[in-house]
Protein backbone atom coordinates (compact mmCIF):
# COMPACT_ATOMS: atom_id res chain seq x y z
CA MET A 1 -27.19 64.78 124.23
CA GLU A 2 -24.37 62.23 124.52
CA ILE A 3 -26.66 59.42 123.39
CA LEU A 4 -27.61 61.44 120.30
CA ILE A 5 -23.94 61.97 119.39
CA LEU A 6 -23.20 58.27 119.82
CA CYS A 7 -26.19 57.21 117.73
CA LEU A 8 -25.35 59.68 114.94
CA LEU A 9 -21.71 58.54 114.80
CA LEU A 10 -22.75 54.88 114.77
CA PHE A 11 -25.39 55.51 112.08
CA LEU A 12 -22.88 57.49 109.98
CA GLY A 13 -20.32 54.72 110.34
CA ILE A 14 -22.75 52.02 109.25
CA ILE A 15 -23.91 54.09 106.26
CA LEU A 16 -20.32 54.74 105.16
CA ILE A 17 -19.42 51.06 105.47
CA LEU A 18 -22.49 50.09 103.44
CA ILE A 19 -21.56 52.65 100.77
CA GLU A 20 -18.08 51.12 100.62
CA ILE A 21 -19.37 47.56 100.33
CA LEU A 22 -22.36 48.05 98.03
CA PHE A 23 -21.84 51.13 95.90
CA ILE A 24 -18.15 52.04 95.67
CA PRO A 25 -16.17 48.88 96.37
CA GLY A 26 -12.42 49.09 96.25
CA THR A 27 -11.96 52.73 97.18
CA THR A 28 -11.47 51.98 100.92
CA VAL A 29 -11.95 55.67 101.77
CA PHE A 30 -15.59 55.29 102.79
CA GLY A 31 -14.88 52.04 104.61
CA ILE A 32 -12.05 53.58 106.62
CA LEU A 33 -14.14 56.65 107.44
CA GLY A 34 -17.01 54.37 108.51
CA LEU A 35 -14.76 52.32 110.78
CA ILE A 36 -13.28 55.48 112.29
CA SER A 37 -16.79 56.77 112.96
CA VAL A 38 -17.81 53.53 114.68
CA PHE A 39 -14.60 53.44 116.76
CA VAL A 40 -15.00 57.10 117.77
CA SER A 41 -18.54 56.27 118.83
CA ASP A 42 -17.21 53.40 120.95
CA TYR A 43 -14.47 55.59 122.45
CA LEU A 44 -16.90 58.36 123.31
CA SER A 45 -19.26 55.87 124.97
CA ILE A 46 -16.42 54.87 127.30
CA SER A 47 -15.58 58.55 127.93
CA TYR A 48 -19.17 59.57 128.61
CA PHE A 49 -20.51 56.59 130.58
CA GLY A 50 -17.53 54.70 131.95
CA VAL A 51 -15.84 51.44 131.08
CA GLU A 52 -18.64 48.98 131.90
CA ILE A 53 -21.35 50.71 129.92
CA GLY A 54 -18.81 51.56 127.18
CA ILE A 55 -17.90 47.88 126.73
CA ILE A 56 -21.59 46.93 126.58
CA TYR A 57 -22.18 49.71 124.03
CA SER A 58 -19.17 48.60 121.97
CA ILE A 59 -20.29 44.97 121.87
CA THR A 60 -23.84 46.01 121.03
CA SER A 61 -22.74 48.39 118.28
CA GLY A 62 -20.41 45.76 116.81
CA ILE A 63 -23.19 43.18 116.71
CA LEU A 64 -25.58 45.77 115.26
CA CYS A 65 -23.08 46.72 112.53
CA LEU A 66 -22.51 43.07 111.68
CA LEU A 67 -26.24 42.28 111.53
CA ILE A 68 -27.03 45.31 109.36
CA ILE A 69 -24.22 44.52 106.94
CA ILE A 70 -25.23 40.85 106.70
CA TYR A 71 -28.87 41.83 106.18
CA ALA A 72 -27.91 44.36 103.52
CA LEU A 73 -25.86 41.79 101.64
CA LYS A 74 -28.35 38.93 101.90
CA SER A 75 -31.62 40.79 101.47
CA ASP A 76 -33.27 41.28 98.12
CA THR A 77 -33.52 45.03 98.76
CA TRP A 78 -30.50 45.92 96.66
CA ASN A 79 -31.86 44.17 93.59
CA LYS A 80 -34.39 47.00 93.31
CA VAL A 81 -31.64 49.60 92.92
CA SER A 82 -29.12 47.53 90.97
CA LEU A 83 -28.84 47.67 87.21
CA LYS A 84 -30.36 44.78 85.30
CA ASN A 85 -29.51 45.72 81.71
CA ILE A 86 -26.93 43.63 79.94
CA HIS A 87 -24.86 45.20 77.20
CA THR A 88 -25.13 42.84 74.24
CA HIS A 89 -23.75 45.01 71.45
CA LYS A 90 -20.45 43.97 70.00
CA VAL A 91 -17.73 46.17 68.62
CA SER A 92 -17.21 45.69 64.93
CA LYS A 93 -13.49 44.98 64.73
CA ASN A 94 -13.34 44.72 60.97
CA GLN A 95 -15.65 47.57 59.98
CA TYR A 96 -13.68 48.40 56.84
CA SER A 97 -13.62 44.86 55.41
CA GLU A 98 -15.26 45.87 52.10
CA LEU A 99 -12.68 48.61 51.49
CA SER A 100 -9.18 48.10 50.19
CA ILE A 101 -6.13 50.22 49.59
CA GLY A 102 -6.36 51.97 46.23
CA ASP A 103 -10.17 52.33 46.20
CA ILE A 104 -11.40 55.59 44.69
CA GLY A 105 -14.15 57.63 46.30
CA ILE A 106 -15.46 61.17 46.67
CA SER A 107 -15.09 63.50 49.63
CA SER A 108 -18.58 64.35 50.86
CA SER A 109 -17.24 67.13 53.10
CA SER A 110 -14.08 69.16 53.14
CA LEU A 111 -11.22 67.31 54.81
CA LYS A 112 -9.34 69.50 57.30
CA PRO A 113 -7.74 66.82 57.71
CA TYR A 114 -10.76 64.85 59.02
CA GLY A 115 -14.06 64.67 57.23
CA LYS A 116 -16.46 62.37 55.41
CA GLY A 117 -15.93 60.38 52.26
CA VAL A 118 -18.07 58.03 50.18
CA PHE A 119 -16.68 54.71 48.96
CA LYS A 120 -18.90 52.09 47.28
CA ASP A 121 -22.05 54.07 48.20
CA LYS A 122 -21.24 54.10 51.92
CA SER A 123 -20.13 57.09 53.97
CA TYR A 124 -17.03 56.82 56.17
CA GLU A 125 -15.08 59.13 58.40
CA ILE A 126 -11.70 59.62 56.80
CA LYS A 127 -8.44 61.47 57.36
CA SER A 128 -6.50 63.25 54.68
CA LEU A 129 -2.75 62.90 54.54
CA GLU A 130 -2.75 66.36 52.99
CA ASN A 131 -3.77 69.39 55.01
CA PHE A 132 -6.93 70.21 53.09
CA ILE A 133 -9.08 68.54 50.46
CA GLU A 134 -12.19 70.30 49.17
CA GLU A 135 -15.66 68.79 49.07
CA ASN A 136 -16.68 66.61 46.07
CA LYS A 137 -13.11 65.79 45.04
CA LYS A 138 -11.87 62.35 43.99
CA ILE A 139 -9.89 60.71 46.75
CA LYS A 140 -7.90 57.50 46.96
CA ILE A 141 -7.39 55.23 49.96
CA ILE A 142 -3.71 55.11 50.91
CA ASN A 143 -3.92 53.04 54.09
CA ILE A 144 -6.57 51.46 56.29
CA LEU A 145 -5.74 51.36 59.98
CA GLN A 146 -7.82 49.78 62.71
CA ASP A 147 -9.79 52.98 63.36
CA LYS A 148 -8.88 55.28 60.44
CA ILE A 149 -9.02 55.45 56.68
CA LEU A 150 -6.15 57.52 55.31
CA VAL A 151 -6.73 59.17 51.93
CA LYS A 152 -5.10 61.59 49.50
CA LYS A 153 -6.39 63.58 46.54
CA ASN A 154 -6.54 61.50 43.36
């Protein structure tokens, strides 16, 4: 029974340390819990079997932990579960370059204060400076911010 407890604690510690290193780096919670589990396993081995066998167990478990971690980091096993996709899309910083302040358009939905508007045959999400503008009304661009087009009724 004691051997089973020691093996489970050691296995749990190694798993938690691997989770810390490979899957959730930087949190330190799993790494600390894994180290505590390994050290409790070492302490219990000394309590259950005496100092000589406990030291042998501790050295063996330390070497085993080190070998498993080195193997996990060097092996090609983790390439099978790691993501390979590269995000190549770029954010369009100047998405309103063809619009200018003073352009006239039509609201394609009611603006409460957000809605849709059409300028130069393209639809944009816009914000009304007024509380409400009905659908199919002429609107004028007052300001163009980085992520908003501000309009008012024309």
